[in-house]
Amino acid sequence: MIQTVKEDVETLNHCIVDAIQDIKGKNILKLDLRKVDDAPADFFIICEGDSVTQIKAISDNIHRKTNEYLGVKASHIEGFMGAKWVLVDYFDTVVHIFYPETRAFYEIEELWGDAALTKYENV
């Protein structure tokens, strides 16, 4: 059976959220930007880590799981050195891993307020 692009993106998004929850990432949101004009991606997945170490661990786990289970590698990873905001770009889905104060400062959820929002429970 051939998977459609939509199924592939949903599978990727599920894998990313699962990888975040594995490392106890908090306040996980998925923004569906497909109906938002000029959006840079179809989805944003946003979460927080309580420390630089946790933020790096979340990023590493996302990279490991998407590669291991789906054979997908990020096209770009940014912010890893300071780790107050790590961005992991999969073209259709962009993951933002924030330190809580950095997330509050940039208010990405408010910036893309027209997007459909899915909240995930903290594990």
PDB file of N, CA and C in Angstrom:
ATOM      1  N   MET A   1       0.847  -1.185   0.000  1.00  0.00           N
ATOM      2  CA  MET A   1       0.000   0.000   0.000  1.00  0.00           C
ATOM      3  C   MET A   1       0.890   1.246   0.000  1.00  0.00           C
ATOM      4  N   ILE A   2       0.561   2.206  -0.811  1.00  0.00           N
ATOM      5  CA  ILE A   2       1.331   3.439  -0.916  1.00  0.00           C
ATOM      6  C   ILE A   2       0.721   4.476   0.020  1.00  0.00           C
ATOM      7  N   GLN A   3       1.574   5.073   0.853  1.00  0.00           N
ATOM      8  CA  GLN A   3       1.095   6.134   1.747  1.00  0.00           C
ATOM      9  C   GLN A   3       1.034   7.448   0.991  1.00  0.00           C
ATOM     10  N   THR A   4       0.039   8.244   1.302  1.00  0.00           N
ATOM     11  CA  THR A   4      -0.046   9.575   0.723  1.00  0.00           C
ATOM     12  C   THR A   4       0.838  10.523   1.504  1.00  0.00           C
ATOM     13  N   VAL A   5       1.090  11.694   0.939  1.00  0.00           N
ATOM     14  CA  VAL A   5       1.901  12.702   1.620  1.00  0.00           C
ATOM     15  C   VAL A   5       1.264  13.081   2.942  1.00  0.00           C
ATOM     16  N   LYS A   6      -0.080  13.211   2.980  1.00  0.00           N
ATOM     17  CA  LYS A   6      -0.769  13.565   4.219  1.00  0.00           C
ATOM     18  C   LYS A   6      -0.505  12.527   5.305  1.00  0.00           C
ATOM     19  N   GLU A   7      -0.590  11.234   4.944  1.00  0.00           N
ATOM     20  CA  GLU A   7      -0.326  10.183   5.916  1.00  0.00           C
ATOM     21  C   GLU A   7       1.123  10.227   6.388  1.00  0.00           C
ATOM     22  N   ASP A   8       2.046  10.512   5.480  1.00  0.00           N
ATOM     23  CA  ASP A   8       3.456  10.603   5.841  1.00  0.00           C
ATOM     24  C   ASP A   8       3.692  11.732   6.834  1.00  0.00           C
ATOM     25  N   VAL A   9       3.067  12.885   6.609  1.00  0.00           N
ATOM     26  CA  VAL A   9       3.233  14.024   7.508  1.00  0.00           C
ATOM     27  C   VAL A   9       2.602  13.722   8.854  1.00  0.00           C
ATOM     28  N   GLU A  10       1.434  13.100   8.873  1.00  0.00           N
ATOM     29  CA  GLU A  10       0.795  12.736  10.134  1.00  0.00           C
ATOM     30  C   GLU A  10       1.651  11.732  10.909  1.00  0.00           C
ATOM     31  N   THR A  11       2.250  10.779  10.209  1.00  0.00           N
ATOM     32  CA  THR A  11       3.131   9.810  10.849  1.00  0.00           C
ATOM     33  C   THR A  11       4.355  10.505  11.422  1.00  0.00           C
ATOM     34  N   LEU A  12       4.941  11.418  10.670  1.00  0.00           N
ATOM     35  CA  LEU A  12       6.084  12.191  11.149  1.00  0.00           C
ATOM     36  C   LEU A  12       5.703  12.998  12.379  1.00  0.00           C
ATOM     37  N   ASN A  13       4.578  13.705  12.321  1.00  0.00           N
ATOM     38  CA  ASN A  13       4.145  14.522  13.454  1.00  0.00           C
ATOM     39  C   ASN A  13       3.923  13.670  14.705  1.00  0.00           C
ATOM     40  N   HIS A  14       3.310  12.519  14.533  1.00  0.00           N
ATOM     41  CA  HIS A  14       3.094  11.618  15.661  1.00  0.00           C
ATOM     42  C   HIS A  14       4.437  11.164  16.257  1.00  0.00           C
ATOM     43  N   CYS A  15       5.377  10.828  15.406  1.00  0.00           N
ATOM     44  CA  CYS A  15       6.700  10.392  15.860  1.00  0.00           C
ATOM     45  C   CYS A  15       7.407  11.513  16.625  1.00  0.00           C
ATOM     46  N   ILE A  16       7.293  12.741  16.146  1.00  0.00           N
ATOM     47  CA  ILE A  16       7.913  13.893  16.806  1.00  0.00           C
ATOM     48  C   ILE A  16       7.305  14.106  18.188  1.00  0.00           C
ATOM     49  N   VAL A  17       5.983  14.112  18.275  1.00  0.00           N
ATOM     50  CA  VAL A  17       5.313  14.314  19.566  1.00  0.00           C
ATOM     51  C   VAL A  17       5.690  13.193  20.528  1.00  0.00           C
ATOM     52  N   ASP A  18       5.737  11.975  20.041  1.00  0.00           N
ATOM     53  CA  ASP A  18       6.130  10.841  20.873  1.00  0.00           C
ATOM     54  C   ASP A  18       7.559  11.011  21.392  1.00  0.00           C
ATOM     55  N   ALA A  19       8.454  11.480  20.539  1.00  0.00           N
ATOM     56  CA  ALA A  19       9.854  11.697  20.935  1.00  0.00           C
ATOM     57  C   ALA A  19       9.958  12.790  22.001  1.00  0.00           C
ATOM     58  N   ILE A  20       9.140  13.824  21.874  1.00  0.00           N
ATOM     59  CA  ILE A  20       9.116  14.900  22.880  1.00  0.00           C
ATOM     60  C   ILE A  20       8.630  14.355  24.218  1.00  0.00           C
ATOM     61  N   GLN A  21       7.538  13.589  24.169  1.00  0.00           N
ATOM     62  CA  GLN A  21       6.976  13.035  25.401  1.00  0.00           C
ATOM     63  C   GLN A  21       7.926  12.053  26.075  1.00  0.00           C
ATOM     64  N   ASP A  22       8.734  11.333  25.291  1.00  0.00           N
ATOM     65  CA  ASP A  22       9.730  10.415  25.860  1.00  0.00           C
ATOM     66  C   ASP A  22      10.682  11.129  26.820  1.00  0.00           C
ATOM     67  N   ILE A  23      11.006  12.379  26.512  1.00  0.00           N
ATOM     68  CA  ILE A  23      11.982  13.145  27.285  1.00  0.00           C
ATOM     69  C   ILE A  23      11.266  14.129  28.221  1.00  0.00           C
ATOM     70  N   LYS A  24       9.961  13.944  28.372  1.00  0.00           N
ATOM     71  CA  LYS A  24       9.147  14.752  29.289  1.00  0.00           C
ATOM     72  C   LYS A  24       9.083  16.228  28.900  1.00  0.00           C
ATOM     73  N   GLY A  25       9.095  16.501  27.576  1.00  0.00           N
ATOM     74  CA  GLY A  25       8.857  17.865  27.110  1.00  0.00           C
ATOM     75  C   GLY A  25       7.471  18.309  27.557  1.00  0.00           C
ATOM     76  N   LYS A  26       7.317  19.609  27.790  1.00  0.00           N
ATOM     77  CA  LYS A  26       6.074  20.134  28.347  1.00  0.00           C
ATOM     78  C   LYS A  26       5.365  21.063  27.374  1.00  0.00           C
ATOM     79  N   ASN A  27       4.065  21.262  27.657  1.00  0.00           N
ATOM     80  CA  ASN A  27       3.236  22.231  26.931  1.00  0.00           C
ATOM     81  C   ASN A  27       3.361  22.063  25.414  1.00  0.00           C
ATOM     82  N   ILE A  28       3.118  20.847  24.963  1.00  0.00           N
ATOM     83  CA  ILE A  28       3.270  20.510  23.547  1.00  0.00           C
ATOM     84  C   ILE A  28       2.024  20.955  22.780  1.00  0.00           C
ATOM     85  N   LEU A  29       2.267  21.686  21.707  1.00  0.00           N
ATOM     86  CA  LEU A  29       1.197  22.139  20.811  1.00  0.00           C
ATOM     87  C   LEU A  29       1.563  21.800  19.375  1.00  0.00           C
ATOM     88  N   LYS A  30       0.547  21.486  18.584  1.00  0.00           N
ATOM     89  CA  LYS A  30       0.729  21.361  17.143  1.00  0.00           C
ATOM     90  C   LYS A  30      -0.144  22.416  16.485  1.00  0.00           C
ATOM     91  N   LEU A  31       0.457  23.268  15.680  1.00  0.00           N
ATOM     92  CA  LEU A  31      -0.285  24.265  14.925  1.00  0.00           C
ATOM     93  C   LEU A  31      -0.407  23.787  13.492  1.00  0.00           C
ATOM     94  N   ASP A  32      -1.641  23.677  13.003  1.00  0.00           N
ATOM     95  CA  ASP A  32      -1.891  23.304  11.612  1.00  0.00           C
ATOM     96  C   ASP A  32      -1.971  24.595  10.813  1.00  0.00           C
ATOM     97  N   LEU A  33      -0.948  24.856  10.025  1.00  0.00           N
ATOM     98  CA  LEU A  33      -0.830  26.112   9.288  1.00  0.00           C
ATOM     99  C   LEU A  33      -1.261  25.984   7.827  1.00  0.00           C
ATOM    100  N   ARG A  34      -1.831  24.858   7.443  1.00  0.00           N
ATOM    101  CA  ARG A  34      -2.148  24.624   6.032  1.00  0.00           C
ATOM    102  C   ARG A  34      -3.154  25.612   5.457  1.00  0.00           C
ATOM    103  N   LYS A  35      -3.996  26.199   6.303  1.00  0.00           N
ATOM    104  CA  LYS A  35      -4.984  27.161   5.804  1.00  0.00           C
ATOM    105  C   LYS A  35      -4.596  28.608   6.101  1.00  0.00           C
ATOM    106  N   VAL A  36      -3.361  28.807   6.561  1.00  0.00           N
ATOM    107  CA  VAL A  36      -2.870  30.148   6.887  1.00  0.00           C
ATOM    108  C   VAL A  36      -2.017  30.645   5.729  1.00  0.00           C
ATOM    109  N   ASP A  37      -2.378  31.810   5.184  1.00  0.00           N
ATOM    110  CA  ASP A  37      -1.627  32.377   4.064  1.00  0.00           C
ATOM    111  C   ASP A  37      -0.188  32.665   4.465  1.00  0.00           C
ATOM    112  N   ASP A  38       0.723  32.400   3.565  1.00  0.00           N
ATOM    113  CA  ASP A  38       2.151  32.701   3.722  1.00  0.00           C
ATOM    114  C   ASP A  38       2.821  31.986   4.888  1.00  0.00           C
ATOM    115  N   ALA A  39       2.277  30.885   5.319  1.00  0.00           N
ATOM    116  CA  ALA A  39       2.908  30.119   6.401  1.00  0.00           C
ATOM    117  C   ALA A  39       4.183  29.457   5.871  1.00  0.00           C
ATOM    118  N   PRO A  40       5.229  29.410   6.680  1.00  0.00           N
ATOM    119  CA  PRO A  40       6.497  28.837   6.224  1.00  0.00           C
ATOM    120  C   PRO A  40       6.521  27.301   6.194  1.00  0.00           C
ATOM    121  N   ALA A  41       5.500  26.664   6.777  1.00  0.00           N
ATOM    122  CA  ALA A  41       5.419  25.197   6.825  1.00  0.00           C
ATOM    123  C   ALA A  41       3.958  24.814   6.985  1.00  0.00           C
ATOM    124  N   ASP A  42       3.662  23.534   6.855  1.00  0.00           N
ATOM    125  CA  ASP A  42       2.295  23.054   7.075  1.00  0.00           C
ATOM    126  C   ASP A  42       1.972  22.923   8.555  1.00  0.00           C
ATOM    127  N   PHE A  43       2.979  22.560   9.347  1.00  0.00           N
ATOM    128  CA  PHE A  43       2.779  22.373  10.779  1.00  0.00           C
ATOM    129  C   PHE A  43       3.944  22.952  11.564  1.00  0.00           C
ATOM    130  N   PHE A  44       3.630  23.495  12.734  1.00  0.00           N
ATOM    131  CA  PHE A  44       4.616  23.796  13.767  1.00  0.00           C
ATOM    132  C   PHE A  44       4.289  22.887  14.939  1.00  0.00           C
ATOM    133  N   ILE A  45       5.298  22.275  15.510  1.00  0.00           N
ATOM    134  CA  ILE A  45       5.140  21.579  16.779  1.00  0.00           C
ATOM    135  C   ILE A  45       6.012  22.331  17.765  1.00  0.00           C
ATOM    136  N   ILE A  46       5.405  22.758  18.870  1.00  0.00           N
ATOM    137  CA  ILE A  46       6.074  23.621  19.841  1.00  0.00           C
ATOM    138  C   ILE A  46       6.045  22.929  21.201  1.00  0.00           C
ATOM    139  N   CYS A  47       7.172  23.007  21.904  1.00  0.00           N
ATOM    140  CA  CYS A  47       7.228  22.438  23.253  1.00  0.00           C
ATOM    141  C   CYS A  47       8.268  23.179  24.072  1.00  0.00           C
ATOM    142  N   GLU A  48       8.361  22.804  25.340  1.00  0.00           N
ATOM    143  CA  GLU A  48       9.321  23.411  26.264  1.00  0.00           C
ATOM    144  C   GLU A  48      10.130  22.336  26.967  1.00  0.00           C
ATOM    145  N   GLY A  49      11.339  22.736  27.336  1.00  0.00           N
ATOM    146  CA  GLY A  49      12.176  21.948  28.219  1.00  0.00           C
ATOM    147  C   GLY A  49      12.577  22.817  29.393  1.00  0.00           C
ATOM    148  N   ASP A  50      12.805  22.206  30.545  1.00  0.00           N
ATOM    149  CA  ASP A  50      13.117  22.961  31.765  1.00  0.00           C
ATOM    150  C   ASP A  50      14.581  23.354  31.893  1.00  0.00           C
ATOM    151  N   SER A  51      15.432  22.788  31.045  1.00  0.00           N
ATOM    152  CA  SER A  51      16.858  23.092  31.126  1.00  0.00           C
ATOM    153  C   SER A  51      17.473  22.967  29.741  1.00  0.00           C
ATOM    154  N   VAL A  52      18.658  23.519  29.599  1.00  0.00           N
ATOM    155  CA  VAL A  52      19.390  23.401  28.340  1.00  0.00           C
ATOM    156  C   VAL A  52      19.649  21.929  28.029  1.00  0.00           C
ATOM    157  N   THR A  53      19.967  21.162  29.049  1.00  0.00           N
ATOM    158  CA  THR A  53      20.219  19.734  28.879  1.00  0.00           C
ATOM    159  C   THR A  53      18.976  19.016  28.354  1.00  0.00           C
ATOM    160  N   GLN A  54      17.808  19.327  28.919  1.00  0.00           N
ATOM    161  CA  GLN A  54      16.571  18.689  28.465  1.00  0.00           C
ATOM    162  C   GLN A  54      16.223  19.121  27.049  1.00  0.00           C
ATOM    163  N   ILE A  55      16.404  20.388  26.729  1.00  0.00           N
ATOM    164  CA  ILE A  55      16.109  20.872  25.377  1.00  0.00           C
ATOM    165  C   ILE A  55      16.975  20.143  24.350  1.00  0.00           C
ATOM    166  N   LYS A  56      18.252  19.989  24.643  1.00  0.00           N
ATOM    167  CA  LYS A  56      19.143  19.254  23.742  1.00  0.00           C
ATOM    168  C   LYS A  56      18.725  17.788  23.642  1.00  0.00           C
ATOM    169  N   ALA A  57      18.332  17.195  24.764  1.00  0.00           N
ATOM    170  CA  ALA A  57      17.906  15.791  24.768  1.00  0.00           C
ATOM    171  C   ALA A  57      16.638  15.599  23.933  1.00  0.00           C
ATOM    172  N   ILE A  58      15.706  16.526  24.020  1.00  0.00           N
ATOM    173  CA  ILE A  58      14.484  16.451  23.208  1.00  0.00           C
ATOM    174  C   ILE A  58      14.850  16.512  21.730  1.00  0.00           C
ATOM    175  N   SER A  59      15.694  17.471  21.372  1.00  0.00           N
ATOM    176  CA  SER A  59      16.129  17.606  19.974  1.00  0.00           C
ATOM    177  C   SER A  59      16.817  16.334  19.488  1.00  0.00           C
ATOM    178  N   ASP A  60      17.720  15.809  20.287  1.00  0.00           N
ATOM    179  CA  ASP A  60      18.430  14.575  19.916  1.00  0.00           C
ATOM    180  C   ASP A  60      17.467  13.411  19.740  1.00  0.00           C
ATOM    181  N   ASN A  61      16.476  13.301  20.641  1.00  0.00           N
ATOM    182  CA  ASN A  61      15.532  12.188  20.573  1.00  0.00           C
ATOM    183  C   ASN A  61      14.628  12.296  19.344  1.00  0.00           C
ATOM    184  N   ILE A  62      14.212  13.505  19.012  1.00  0.00           N
ATOM    185  CA  ILE A  62      13.415  13.706  17.790  1.00  0.00           C
ATOM    186  C   ILE A  62      14.220  13.251  16.581  1.00  0.00           C
ATOM    187  N   HIS A  63      15.462  13.709  16.510  1.00  0.00           N
ATOM    188  CA  HIS A  63      16.325  13.360  15.380  1.00  0.00           C
ATOM    189  C   HIS A  63      16.523  11.837  15.305  1.00  0.00           C
ATOM    190  N   ARG A  64      16.798  11.222  16.452  1.00  0.00           N
ATOM    191  CA  ARG A  64      17.040   9.774  16.491  1.00  0.00           C
ATOM    192  C   ARG A  64      15.803   8.982  16.071  1.00  0.00           C
ATOM    193  N   LYS A  65      14.649   9.330  16.657  1.00  0.00           N
ATOM    194  CA  LYS A  65      13.430   8.545  16.394  1.00  0.00           C
ATOM    195  C   LYS A  65      12.942   8.702  14.955  1.00  0.00           C
ATOM    196  N   THR A  66      12.958   9.927  14.429  1.00  0.00           N
ATOM    197  CA  THR A  66      12.482  10.112  13.052  1.00  0.00           C
ATOM    198  C   THR A  66      13.399   9.402  12.060  1.00  0.00           C
ATOM    199  N   ASN A  67      14.682   9.373  12.358  1.00  0.00           N
ATOM    200  CA  ASN A  67      15.628   8.681  11.476  1.00  0.00           C
ATOM    201  C   ASN A  67      15.494   7.163  11.621  1.00  0.00           C
ATOM    202  N   GLU A  68      15.439   6.695  12.857  1.00  0.00           N
ATOM    203  CA  GLU A  68      15.391   5.252  13.122  1.00  0.00           C
ATOM    204  C   GLU A  68      14.089   4.603  12.659  1.00  0.00           C
ATOM    205  N   TYR A  69      12.951   5.237  12.971  1.00  0.00           N
ATOM    206  CA  TYR A  69      11.656   4.623  12.680  1.00  0.00           C
ATOM    207  C   TYR A  69      11.087   4.985  11.315  1.00  0.00           C
ATOM    208  N   LEU A  70      11.435   6.161  10.806  1.00  0.00           N
ATOM    209  CA  LEU A  70      10.840   6.608   9.547  1.00  0.00           C
ATOM    210  C   LEU A  70      11.859   6.804   8.430  1.00  0.00           C
ATOM    211  N   GLY A  71      13.139   6.768   8.772  1.00  0.00           N
ATOM    212  CA  GLY A  71      14.166   7.022   7.767  1.00  0.00           C
ATOM    213  C   GLY A  71      14.180   8.463   7.296  1.00  0.00           C
ATOM    214  N   VAL A  72      13.721   9.368   8.151  1.00  0.00           N
ATOM    215  CA  VAL A  72      13.619  10.793   7.808  1.00  0.00           C
ATOM    216  C   VAL A  72      14.625  11.573   8.643  1.00  0.00           C
ATOM    217  N   LYS A  73      15.379  12.427   7.966  1.00  0.00           N
ATOM    218  CA  LYS A  73      16.320  13.300   8.666  1.00  0.00           C
ATOM    219  C   LYS A  73      15.876  14.745   8.505  1.00  0.00           C
ATOM    220  N   ALA A  74      16.142  15.544   9.526  1.00  0.00           N
ATOM    221  CA  ALA A  74      15.827  16.969   9.464  1.00  0.00           C
ATOM    222  C   ALA A  74      16.668  17.620   8.383  1.00  0.00           C
ATOM    223  N   SER A  75      16.068  18.590   7.692  1.00  0.00           N
ATOM    224  CA  SER A  75      16.829  19.320   6.677  1.00  0.00           C
ATOM    225  C   SER A  75      17.732  20.360   7.308  1.00  0.00           C
ATOM    226  N   HIS A  76      17.367  20.790   8.529  1.00  0.00           N
ATOM    227  CA  HIS A  76      18.128  21.859   9.177  1.00  0.00           C
ATOM    228  C   HIS A  76      17.832  21.844  10.681  1.00  0.00           C
ATOM    229  N   ILE A  77      18.871  22.023  11.483  1.00  0.00           N
ATOM    230  CA  ILE A  77      18.720  22.176  12.937  1.00  0.00           C
ATOM    231  C   ILE A  77      19.458  23.443  13.316  1.00  0.00           C
ATOM    232  N   GLU A  78      18.797  24.294  14.099  1.00  0.00           N
ATOM    233  CA  GLU A  78      19.362  25.597  14.442  1.00  0.00           C
ATOM    234  C   GLU A  78      19.191  25.874  15.930  1.00  0.00           C
ATOM    235  N   GLY A  79      20.135  26.595  16.518  1.00  0.00           N
ATOM    236  CA  GLY A  79      20.018  27.023  17.905  1.00  0.00           C
ATOM    237  C   GLY A  79      20.566  26.050  18.912  1.00  0.00           C
ATOM    238  N   PHE A  80      21.224  25.008  18.457  1.00  0.00           N
ATOM    239  CA  PHE A  80      21.676  23.954  19.354  1.00  0.00           C
ATOM    240  C   PHE A  80      22.747  24.437  20.328  1.00  0.00           C
ATOM    241  N   MET A  81      23.561  25.382  19.926  1.00  0.00           N
ATOM    242  CA  MET A  81      24.665  25.838  20.794  1.00  0.00           C
ATOM    243  C   MET A  81      24.140  26.491  22.075  1.00  0.00           C
ATOM    244  N   GLY A  82      23.239  27.462  21.970  1.00  0.00           N
ATOM    245  CA  GLY A  82      22.703  28.117  23.160  1.00  0.00           C
ATOM    246  C   GLY A  82      21.572  27.352  23.801  1.00  0.00           C
ATOM    247  N   ALA A  83      20.837  26.616  22.989  1.00  0.00           N
ATOM    248  CA  ALA A  83      19.740  25.739  23.401  1.00  0.00           C
ATOM    249  C   ALA A  83      18.659  26.437  24.224  1.00  0.00           C
ATOM    250  N   LYS A  84      18.408  27.713  23.963  1.00  0.00           N
ATOM    251  CA  LYS A  84      17.250  28.396  24.549  1.00  0.00           C
ATOM    252  C   LYS A  84      16.057  28.278  23.598  1.00  0.00           C
ATOM    253  N   TRP A  85      16.361  28.021  22.314  1.00  0.00           N
ATOM    254  CA  TRP A  85      15.352  27.796  21.288  1.00  0.00           C
ATOM    255  C   TRP A  85      16.004  26.973  20.197  1.00  0.00           C
ATOM    256  N   VAL A  86      15.650  25.705  20.122  1.00  0.00           N
ATOM    257  CA  VAL A  86      16.169  24.835  19.073  1.00  0.00           C
ATOM    258  C   VAL A  86      15.066  24.637  18.052  1.00  0.00           C
ATOM    259  N   LEU A  87      15.402  24.830  16.792  1.00  0.00           N
ATOM    260  CA  LEU A  87      14.471  24.660  15.687  1.00  0.00           C
ATOM    261  C   LEU A  87      14.932  23.452  14.879  1.00  0.00           C
ATOM    262  N   VAL A  88      14.010  22.529  14.632  1.00  0.00           N
ATOM    263  CA  VAL A  88      14.302  21.340  13.843  1.00  0.00           C
ATOM    264  C   VAL A  88      13.351  21.366  12.647  1.00  0.00           C
ATOM    265  N   ASP A  89      13.902  21.472  11.447  1.00  0.00           N
ATOM    266  CA  ASP A  89      13.113  21.690  10.235  1.00  0.00           C
ATOM    267  C   ASP A  89      13.016  20.411   9.400  1.00  0.00           C
ATOM    268  N   TYR A  90      11.775  19.954   9.209  1.00  0.00           N
ATOM    269  CA  TYR A  90      11.491  18.806   8.353  1.00  0.00           C
ATOM    270  C   TYR A  90      10.708  19.235   7.105  1.00  0.00           C
ATOM    271  N   PHE A  91      10.843  20.467   6.661  1.00  0.00           N
ATOM    272  CA  PHE A  91      10.143  21.085   5.537  1.00  0.00           C
ATOM    273  C   PHE A  91       8.665  21.291   5.840  1.00  0.00           C
ATOM    274  N   ASP A  92       7.862  20.217   5.836  1.00  0.00           N
ATOM    275  CA  ASP A  92       6.423  20.352   6.079  1.00  0.00           C
ATOM    276  C   ASP A  92       6.116  20.616   7.553  1.00  0.00           C
ATOM    277  N   THR A  93       6.980  20.127   8.428  1.00  0.00           N
ATOM    278  CA  THR A  93       6.822  20.309   9.871  1.00  0.00           C
ATOM    279  C   THR A  93       8.089  20.946  10.428  1.00  0.00           C
ATOM    280  N   VAL A  94       7.897  22.004  11.208  1.00  0.00           N
ATOM    281  CA  VAL A  94       9.020  22.655  11.886  1.00  0.00           C
ATOM    282  C   VAL A  94       8.765  22.534  13.390  1.00  0.00           C
ATOM    283  N   VAL A  95       9.773  22.025  14.102  1.00  0.00           N
ATOM    284  CA  VAL A  95       9.668  21.814  15.544  1.00  0.00           C
ATOM    285  C   VAL A  95      10.416  22.941  16.248  1.00  0.00           C
ATOM    286  N   HIS A  96       9.756  23.547  17.232  1.00  0.00           N
ATOM    287  CA  HIS A  96      10.353  24.605  18.054  1.00  0.00           C
ATOM    288  C   HIS A  96      10.427  24.088  19.484  1.00  0.00           C
ATOM    289  N   ILE A  97      11.645  23.967  20.008  1.00  0.00           N
ATOM    290  CA  ILE A  97      11.852  23.491  21.380  1.00  0.00           C
ATOM    291  C   ILE A  97      12.398  24.676  22.171  1.00  0.00           C
ATOM    292  N   PHE A  98      11.597  25.150  23.107  1.00  0.00           N
ATOM    293  CA  PHE A  98      11.898  26.393  23.813  1.00  0.00           C
ATOM    294  C   PHE A  98      12.246  26.185  25.275  1.00  0.00           C
ATOM    295  N   TYR A  99      13.054  27.084  25.794  1.00  0.00           N
ATOM    296  CA  TYR A  99      13.165  27.338  27.217  1.00  0.00           C
ATOM    297  C   TYR A  99      11.915  28.164  27.554  1.00  0.00           C
ATOM    298  N   PRO A 100      11.227  27.946  28.685  1.00  0.00           N
ATOM    299  CA  PRO A 100       9.947  28.620  28.946  1.00  0.00           C
ATOM    300  C   PRO A 100       9.969  30.143  28.764  1.00  0.00           C
ATOM    301  N   GLU A 101      10.999  30.806  29.263  1.00  0.00           N
ATOM    302  CA  GLU A 101      11.053  32.271  29.144  1.00  0.00           C
ATOM    303  C   GLU A 101      11.212  32.713  27.686  1.00  0.00           C
ATOM    304  N   THR A 102      11.951  31.944  26.915  1.00  0.00           N
ATOM    305  CA  THR A 102      12.146  32.261  25.497  1.00  0.00           C
ATOM    306  C   THR A 102      10.829  32.082  24.744  1.00  0.00           C
ATOM    307  N   ARG A 103      10.106  31.030  25.052  1.00  0.00           N
ATOM    308  CA  ARG A 103       8.803  30.801  24.415  1.00  0.00           C
ATOM    309  C   ARG A 103       7.847  31.940  24.730  1.00  0.00           C
ATOM    310  N   ALA A 104       7.820  32.378  25.980  1.00  0.00           N
ATOM    311  CA  ALA A 104       6.941  33.481  26.381  1.00  0.00           C
ATOM    312  C   ALA A 104       7.316  34.770  25.652  1.00  0.00           C
ATOM    313  N   PHE A 105       8.591  34.994  25.446  1.00  0.00           N
ATOM    314  CA  PHE A 105       9.051  36.209  24.780  1.00  0.00           C
ATOM    315  C   PHE A 105       8.617  36.240  23.310  1.00  0.00           C
ATOM    316  N   TYR A 106       8.781  35.144  22.581  1.00  0.00           N
ATOM    317  CA  TYR A 106       8.493  35.128  21.139  1.00  0.00           C
ATOM    318  C   TYR A 106       7.026  34.904  20.807  1.00  0.00           C
ATOM    319  N   GLU A 107       6.258  34.304  21.698  1.00  0.00           N
ATOM    320  CA  GLU A 107       4.805  34.125  21.529  1.00  0.00           C
ATOM    321  C   GLU A 107       4.413  33.605  20.138  1.00  0.00           C
ATOM    322  N   ILE A 108       5.043  32.532  19.708  1.00  0.00           N
ATOM    323  CA  ILE A 108       4.762  31.984  18.374  1.00  0.00           C
ATOM    324  C   ILE A 108       3.298  31.578  18.220  1.00  0.00           C
ATOM    325  N   GLU A 109       2.710  31.035  19.283  1.00  0.00           N
ATOM    326  CA  GLU A 109       1.307  30.626  19.189  1.00  0.00           C
ATOM    327  C   GLU A 109       0.411  31.816  18.856  1.00  0.00           C
ATOM    328  N   GLU A 110       0.693  32.972  19.441  1.00  0.00           N
ATOM    329  CA  GLU A 110      -0.107  34.159  19.173  1.00  0.00           C
ATOM    330  C   GLU A 110       0.167  34.705  17.769  1.00  0.00           C
ATOM    331  N   LEU A 111       1.425  34.617  17.353  1.00  0.00           N
ATOM    332  CA  LEU A 111       1.800  35.092  16.018  1.00  0.00           C
ATOM    333  C   LEU A 111       1.053  34.331  14.929  1.00  0.00           C
ATOM    334  N   TRP A 112       0.864  33.042  15.134  1.00  0.00           N
ATOM    335  CA  TRP A 112       0.153  32.199  14.177  1.00  0.00           C
ATOM    336  C   TRP A 112      -1.210  31.804  14.755  1.00  0.00           C
ATOM    337  N   GLY A 113      -1.912  32.770  15.326  1.00  0.00           N
ATOM    338  CA  GLY A 113      -3.180  32.539  16.007  1.00  0.00           C
ATOM    339  C   GLY A 113      -4.306  32.020  15.129  1.00  0.00           C
ATOM    340  N   ASP A 114      -4.185  32.138  13.805  1.00  0.00           N
ATOM    341  CA  ASP A 114      -5.218  31.643  12.891  1.00  0.00           C
ATOM    342  C   ASP A 114      -5.099  30.142  12.650  1.00  0.00           C
ATOM    343  N   ALA A 115      -4.045  29.533  13.115  1.00  0.00           N
ATOM    344  CA  ALA A 115      -3.820  28.105  12.888  1.00  0.00           C
ATOM    345  C   ALA A 115      -4.710  27.265  13.791  1.00  0.00           C
ATOM    346  N   ALA A 116      -5.095  26.096  13.283  1.00  0.00           N
ATOM    347  CA  ALA A 116      -5.812  25.119  14.111  1.00  0.00           C
ATOM    348  C   ALA A 116      -4.824  24.562  15.126  1.00  0.00           C
ATOM    349  N   LEU A 117      -5.267  24.422  16.362  1.00  0.00           N
ATOM    350  CA  LEU A 117      -4.376  24.092  17.470  1.00  0.00           C
ATOM    351  C   LEU A 117      -4.734  22.732  18.074  1.00  0.00           C
ATOM    352  N   THR A 118      -3.713  21.894  18.294  1.00  0.00           N
ATOM    353  CA  THR A 118      -3.887  20.640  19.007  1.00  0.00           C
ATOM    354  C   THR A 118      -2.959  20.662  20.210  1.00  0.00           C
ATOM    355  N   LYS A 119      -3.512  20.430  21.402  1.00  0.00           N
ATOM    356  CA  LYS A 119      -2.714  20.382  22.625  1.00  0.00           C
ATOM    357  C   LYS A 119      -2.501  18.935  23.011  1.00  0.00           C
ATOM    358  N   TYR A 120      -1.323  18.657  23.536  1.00  0.00           N
ATOM    359  CA  TYR A 120      -0.987  17.318  23.998  1.00  0.00           C
ATOM    360  C   TYR A 120      -0.735  17.370  25.498  1.00  0.00           C
ATOM    361  N   GLU A 121      -1.102  16.307  26.171  1.00  0.00           N
ATOM    362  CA  GLU A 121      -0.931  16.231  27.625  1.00  0.00           C
ATOM    363  C   GLU A 121       0.547  16.115  27.980  1.00  0.00           C
ATOM    364  N   ASN A 122       0.913  16.724  29.094  1.00  0.00           N
ATOM    365  CA  ASN A 122       2.245  16.488  29.656  1.00  0.00           C
ATOM    366  C   ASN A 122       2.252  15.081  30.216  1.00  0.00           C
ATOM    367  N   VAL A 123       3.321  14.359  29.949  1.00  0.00           N
ATOM    368  CA  VAL A 123       3.417  12.957  30.402  1.00  0.00           C
ATOM    369  C   VAL A 123       4.220  12.897  31.679  1.00  0.00           C
TER     370      VAL A 123
END
